N, C-alpha and C. Protein backbone atom coordinates (compact mmCIF):
# COMPACT_ATOMS: atom_id res chain seq x y z
N MET A 1 0.85 -1.18 0.00
CA MET A 1 0.00 0.00 0.00
C MET A 1 0.89 1.24 0.00
N PRO A 2 0.65 2.22 -0.93
CA PRO A 2 1.50 3.41 -0.99
C PRO A 2 1.27 4.33 0.20
N ALA A 3 2.34 5.08 0.56
CA ALA A 3 2.24 6.02 1.67
C ALA A 3 1.40 7.23 1.25
N VAL A 4 0.54 7.67 2.11
CA VAL A 4 -0.35 8.79 1.83
C VAL A 4 0.19 10.02 2.53
N LYS A 5 0.35 11.11 1.76
CA LYS A 5 0.82 12.36 2.34
C LYS A 5 -0.31 13.03 3.10
N PRO A 6 -0.02 13.63 4.22
CA PRO A 6 -1.07 14.39 4.92
C PRO A 6 -1.39 15.66 4.13
N ARG A 7 -2.65 16.05 4.11
CA ARG A 7 -3.08 17.24 3.39
C ARG A 7 -2.64 18.50 4.13
N ARG A 8 -2.21 19.46 3.36
CA ARG A 8 -1.85 20.74 3.96
C ARG A 8 -3.10 21.51 4.28
N ARG A 9 -3.05 22.22 5.36
CA ARG A 9 -4.17 23.10 5.69
C ARG A 9 -4.00 24.39 4.92
N THR A 10 -5.03 24.81 4.26
CA THR A 10 -4.96 26.06 3.50
C THR A 10 -5.96 27.05 4.07
N LYS A 11 -5.62 28.29 3.92
CA LYS A 11 -6.52 29.35 4.38
C LYS A 11 -7.63 29.51 3.37
N PRO A 12 -8.79 29.89 3.82
CA PRO A 12 -9.85 30.18 2.85
C PRO A 12 -9.47 31.40 2.02
N LYS A 13 -9.96 31.47 0.79
CA LYS A 13 -9.61 32.58 -0.09
C LYS A 13 -10.06 33.91 0.50
N GLY A 14 -9.18 34.91 0.35
CA GLY A 14 -9.51 36.24 0.85
C GLY A 14 -9.19 36.43 2.32
N ALA A 15 -8.61 35.42 2.97
CA ALA A 15 -8.33 35.55 4.40
C ALA A 15 -6.86 35.81 4.67
N GLY A 16 -6.04 36.01 3.62
CA GLY A 16 -4.61 36.20 3.79
C GLY A 16 -4.29 37.56 4.39
N ALA A 17 -3.10 37.65 4.96
CA ALA A 17 -2.67 38.92 5.54
C ALA A 17 -2.40 39.91 4.42
N GLY A 18 -2.81 41.12 4.60
CA GLY A 18 -2.57 42.16 3.62
C GLY A 18 -3.61 42.21 2.51
N GLN A 19 -4.63 41.38 2.60
CA GLN A 19 -5.68 41.41 1.59
C GLN A 19 -6.58 42.60 1.87
N GLY A 20 -6.45 43.61 1.03
CA GLY A 20 -7.25 44.81 1.24
C GLY A 20 -8.31 44.94 0.18
N LYS A 21 -8.92 46.09 0.14
CA LYS A 21 -9.96 46.36 -0.84
C LYS A 21 -9.32 46.48 -2.22
N ARG A 22 -9.94 45.89 -3.23
CA ARG A 22 -9.41 45.92 -4.58
C ARG A 22 -9.49 47.34 -5.12
N ARG A 23 -8.38 47.80 -5.73
CA ARG A 23 -8.36 49.14 -6.31
C ARG A 23 -8.78 49.05 -7.78
N TYR A 24 -9.52 50.02 -8.23
CA TYR A 24 -9.96 50.07 -9.61
C TYR A 24 -9.38 51.30 -10.28
N CYS A 25 -9.21 51.19 -11.58
CA CYS A 25 -8.62 52.28 -12.35
C CYS A 25 -9.54 53.50 -12.33
N GLN A 26 -9.01 54.59 -11.84
CA GLN A 26 -9.78 55.83 -11.75
C GLN A 26 -10.12 56.36 -13.14
N PHE A 27 -9.20 56.17 -14.10
CA PHE A 27 -9.41 56.68 -15.45
C PHE A 27 -10.49 55.87 -16.18
N CYS A 28 -10.53 54.56 -15.95
CA CYS A 28 -11.57 53.73 -16.57
C CYS A 28 -12.93 54.07 -15.99
N LYS A 29 -12.96 54.32 -14.68
CA LYS A 29 -14.21 54.64 -14.01
C LYS A 29 -14.80 55.95 -14.55
N GLU A 30 -13.92 56.92 -14.84
CA GLU A 30 -14.35 58.22 -15.36
C GLU A 30 -14.42 58.23 -16.88
N LYS A 31 -14.13 57.08 -17.51
CA LYS A 31 -14.17 56.92 -18.97
C LYS A 31 -13.26 57.92 -19.68
N VAL A 32 -11.99 58.00 -19.20
CA VAL A 32 -10.99 58.88 -19.81
C VAL A 32 -10.28 58.08 -20.90
N ASP A 33 -10.23 58.64 -22.13
CA ASP A 33 -9.56 57.95 -23.23
C ASP A 33 -8.05 58.12 -23.16
N ALA A 34 -7.59 59.35 -22.91
CA ALA A 34 -6.16 59.63 -22.86
C ALA A 34 -5.86 60.52 -21.66
N VAL A 35 -4.74 60.27 -21.03
CA VAL A 35 -4.31 61.07 -19.88
C VAL A 35 -3.62 62.32 -20.41
N ASP A 36 -4.03 63.48 -19.94
CA ASP A 36 -3.51 64.75 -20.43
C ASP A 36 -2.31 65.19 -19.61
N TYR A 37 -1.21 65.53 -20.28
CA TYR A 37 0.00 65.94 -19.58
C TYR A 37 -0.14 67.33 -18.97
N LYS A 38 -1.11 68.12 -19.41
CA LYS A 38 -1.29 69.48 -18.88
C LYS A 38 -2.09 69.51 -17.58
N ASP A 39 -2.72 68.40 -17.24
CA ASP A 39 -3.53 68.34 -16.03
C ASP A 39 -2.64 67.93 -14.85
N THR A 40 -1.90 68.90 -14.32
CA THR A 40 -0.91 68.60 -13.29
C THR A 40 -1.54 68.21 -11.96
N ALA A 41 -2.76 68.67 -11.71
CA ALA A 41 -3.42 68.31 -10.44
C ALA A 41 -3.65 66.80 -10.37
N VAL A 42 -4.02 66.20 -11.48
CA VAL A 42 -4.22 64.75 -11.52
C VAL A 42 -2.88 64.03 -11.47
N LEU A 43 -1.91 64.51 -12.24
CA LEU A 43 -0.61 63.84 -12.33
C LEU A 43 0.13 63.84 -10.99
N LYS A 44 -0.04 64.89 -10.20
CA LYS A 44 0.67 64.97 -8.91
C LYS A 44 0.25 63.86 -7.96
N ARG A 45 -0.99 63.38 -8.10
CA ARG A 45 -1.45 62.30 -7.23
C ARG A 45 -0.77 60.98 -7.54
N PHE A 46 -0.20 60.84 -8.73
CA PHE A 46 0.43 59.60 -9.14
C PHE A 46 1.95 59.67 -9.06
N VAL A 47 2.47 60.72 -8.43
CA VAL A 47 3.91 60.91 -8.25
C VAL A 47 4.20 60.97 -6.77
N SER A 48 5.26 60.27 -6.33
CA SER A 48 5.59 60.24 -4.90
C SER A 48 6.20 61.56 -4.45
N GLU A 49 6.47 61.66 -3.15
CA GLU A 49 7.06 62.88 -2.59
C GLU A 49 8.46 63.11 -3.15
N LYS A 50 9.15 62.03 -3.48
CA LYS A 50 10.50 62.15 -4.03
C LYS A 50 10.50 62.41 -5.52
N GLY A 51 9.32 62.35 -6.15
CA GLY A 51 9.23 62.63 -7.57
C GLY A 51 9.16 61.39 -8.44
N LYS A 52 9.06 60.21 -7.83
CA LYS A 52 9.00 58.97 -8.61
C LYS A 52 7.55 58.68 -9.02
N ILE A 53 7.40 58.08 -10.19
CA ILE A 53 6.07 57.68 -10.65
C ILE A 53 5.67 56.44 -9.87
N ARG A 54 4.50 56.46 -9.26
CA ARG A 54 4.05 55.32 -8.46
C ARG A 54 3.62 54.17 -9.36
N SER A 55 3.77 52.95 -8.85
CA SER A 55 3.48 51.75 -9.64
C SER A 55 1.99 51.47 -9.71
N ARG A 56 1.63 50.57 -10.60
CA ARG A 56 0.22 50.18 -10.77
C ARG A 56 -0.33 49.56 -9.50
N ARG A 57 0.50 48.85 -8.81
CA ARG A 57 0.08 48.19 -7.57
C ARG A 57 -0.39 49.22 -6.55
N ILE A 58 0.28 50.36 -6.52
CA ILE A 58 -0.06 51.42 -5.57
C ILE A 58 -1.22 52.28 -6.09
N THR A 59 -1.16 52.67 -7.37
CA THR A 59 -2.15 53.60 -7.91
C THR A 59 -3.47 52.92 -8.25
N GLY A 60 -3.43 51.65 -8.63
CA GLY A 60 -4.64 50.95 -9.03
C GLY A 60 -5.02 51.19 -10.47
N ALA A 61 -4.17 51.86 -11.23
CA ALA A 61 -4.47 52.12 -12.63
C ALA A 61 -4.29 50.84 -13.45
N CYS A 62 -5.08 50.72 -14.51
CA CYS A 62 -4.93 49.56 -15.41
C CYS A 62 -3.65 49.75 -16.24
N ARG A 63 -3.27 48.70 -16.94
CA ARG A 63 -2.01 48.74 -17.69
C ARG A 63 -2.02 49.85 -18.73
N ARG A 64 -3.10 49.96 -19.47
CA ARG A 64 -3.20 50.97 -20.53
C ARG A 64 -3.04 52.38 -19.98
N HIS A 65 -3.76 52.68 -18.91
CA HIS A 65 -3.70 54.02 -18.35
C HIS A 65 -2.39 54.28 -17.59
N GLN A 66 -1.79 53.24 -17.03
CA GLN A 66 -0.50 53.42 -16.35
C GLN A 66 0.58 53.81 -17.35
N ILE A 67 0.55 53.21 -18.53
CA ILE A 67 1.52 53.56 -19.58
C ILE A 67 1.30 55.00 -20.03
N GLN A 68 0.04 55.38 -20.23
CA GLN A 68 -0.28 56.75 -20.60
C GLN A 68 0.10 57.73 -19.51
N LEU A 69 -0.11 57.32 -18.28
CA LEU A 69 0.21 58.16 -17.12
C LEU A 69 1.72 58.43 -17.04
N ALA A 70 2.52 57.38 -17.22
CA ALA A 70 3.97 57.53 -17.18
C ALA A 70 4.45 58.46 -18.29
N ALA A 71 3.90 58.30 -19.48
CA ALA A 71 4.28 59.17 -20.60
C ALA A 71 3.86 60.61 -20.33
N ALA A 72 2.68 60.80 -19.74
CA ALA A 72 2.19 62.15 -19.44
C ALA A 72 3.05 62.82 -18.37
N VAL A 73 3.47 62.07 -17.36
CA VAL A 73 4.32 62.64 -16.32
C VAL A 73 5.67 63.04 -16.91
N LYS A 74 6.23 62.18 -17.75
CA LYS A 74 7.52 62.48 -18.37
C LYS A 74 7.42 63.70 -19.28
N ARG A 75 6.34 63.79 -20.04
CA ARG A 75 6.14 64.93 -20.93
C ARG A 75 5.92 66.20 -20.12
N SER A 76 5.19 66.09 -19.03
CA SER A 76 4.93 67.24 -18.18
C SER A 76 6.20 67.74 -17.50
N ARG A 77 7.07 66.82 -17.15
CA ARG A 77 8.38 67.21 -16.58
C ARG A 77 9.21 67.94 -17.64
N GLU A 78 9.18 67.42 -18.86
CA GLU A 78 9.96 68.03 -19.94
C GLU A 78 9.47 69.45 -20.23
N MET A 79 8.17 69.67 -20.11
CA MET A 79 7.59 71.00 -20.34
C MET A 79 7.68 71.89 -19.09
N ALA A 80 8.28 71.39 -18.03
CA ALA A 80 8.48 72.12 -16.77
C ALA A 80 7.16 72.42 -16.06
N LEU A 81 6.17 71.55 -16.25
CA LEU A 81 4.92 71.69 -15.51
C LEU A 81 5.00 70.93 -14.18
N LEU A 82 5.78 69.85 -14.17
CA LEU A 82 6.04 69.07 -12.96
C LEU A 82 7.54 69.05 -12.71
N PRO A 83 7.96 69.05 -11.46
CA PRO A 83 9.40 68.97 -11.18
C PRO A 83 9.91 67.54 -11.34
N TYR A 84 11.18 67.39 -11.69
CA TYR A 84 11.78 66.07 -11.76
C TYR A 84 11.93 65.48 -10.36
N VAL A 85 12.34 66.32 -9.41
CA VAL A 85 12.44 65.91 -8.01
C VAL A 85 11.75 66.96 -7.16
N SER A 86 11.31 66.54 -5.98
CA SER A 86 10.64 67.51 -5.12
C SER A 86 11.67 68.41 -4.45
N GLY A 87 11.25 69.57 -4.05
CA GLY A 87 12.13 70.49 -3.35
C GLY A 87 12.38 69.98 -1.94
N GLY A 88 13.57 69.50 -1.68
CA GLY A 88 13.91 68.97 -0.37
C GLY A 88 14.11 70.09 0.62
N PRO A 89 14.52 69.75 1.83
CA PRO A 89 14.78 70.79 2.84
C PRO A 89 15.92 71.69 2.39
N SER A 90 15.66 72.97 2.31
CA SER A 90 16.69 73.89 1.82
C SER A 90 17.69 74.20 2.94
N GLY A 91 18.95 74.24 2.53
CA GLY A 91 19.99 74.58 3.49
C GLY A 91 20.54 73.39 4.26
N ASP A 92 19.80 72.31 4.34
CA ASP A 92 20.27 71.13 5.05
C ASP A 92 21.09 70.25 4.12
N HIS A 93 22.07 69.60 4.69
CA HIS A 93 22.87 68.65 3.94
C HIS A 93 22.53 67.26 4.43
N SER A 94 22.70 66.29 3.55
CA SER A 94 22.44 64.93 3.98
C SER A 94 23.49 64.52 5.01
N PRO A 95 23.18 63.60 5.93
CA PRO A 95 24.08 63.30 7.04
C PRO A 95 25.42 62.72 6.62
N GLY A 96 25.49 62.09 5.46
CA GLY A 96 26.76 61.47 5.05
C GLY A 96 27.71 62.41 4.36
N ARG A 97 27.29 63.61 4.07
CA ARG A 97 28.12 64.54 3.31
C ARG A 97 28.80 65.55 4.23
N ARG A 98 29.99 65.88 3.87
CA ARG A 98 30.69 66.94 4.61
C ARG A 98 30.61 68.23 3.82
N SER A 99 30.45 69.30 4.50
CA SER A 99 30.45 70.58 3.79
C SER A 99 31.82 71.23 3.99
N ARG A 100 32.33 71.76 2.90
CA ARG A 100 33.63 72.43 2.97
C ARG A 100 33.42 73.90 3.29
N SER A 101 34.18 74.38 4.19
CA SER A 101 34.11 75.83 4.46
C SER A 101 35.21 76.49 3.68
N ARG A 102 34.84 77.49 2.94
CA ARG A 102 35.81 78.21 2.11
C ARG A 102 36.14 79.52 2.80
N ASP A 103 37.25 79.54 3.46
CA ASP A 103 37.65 80.75 4.19
C ASP A 103 38.64 81.56 3.41
């Protein structure tokens, strides 16, 4: 008689840690055909504090609109409507850098 493996206990679907509410594409919901690079108020919501474009996992945008969004952010940066990086603390230096005093 062959040896029988014990069955693994599995969690019921949807009971895993970190399972949150499903995000839906905001652009699909509003029936937007193309993301406009001039609409900086919308684009700023999809850019992090450091100036990076947020991923689909974070934004909830579908693949089509995420590609359009990335192109719009890049075009908007090129036209100087959005900054490439955010304005950090002025006058402060990062802790690893030494400042030279020029006397």
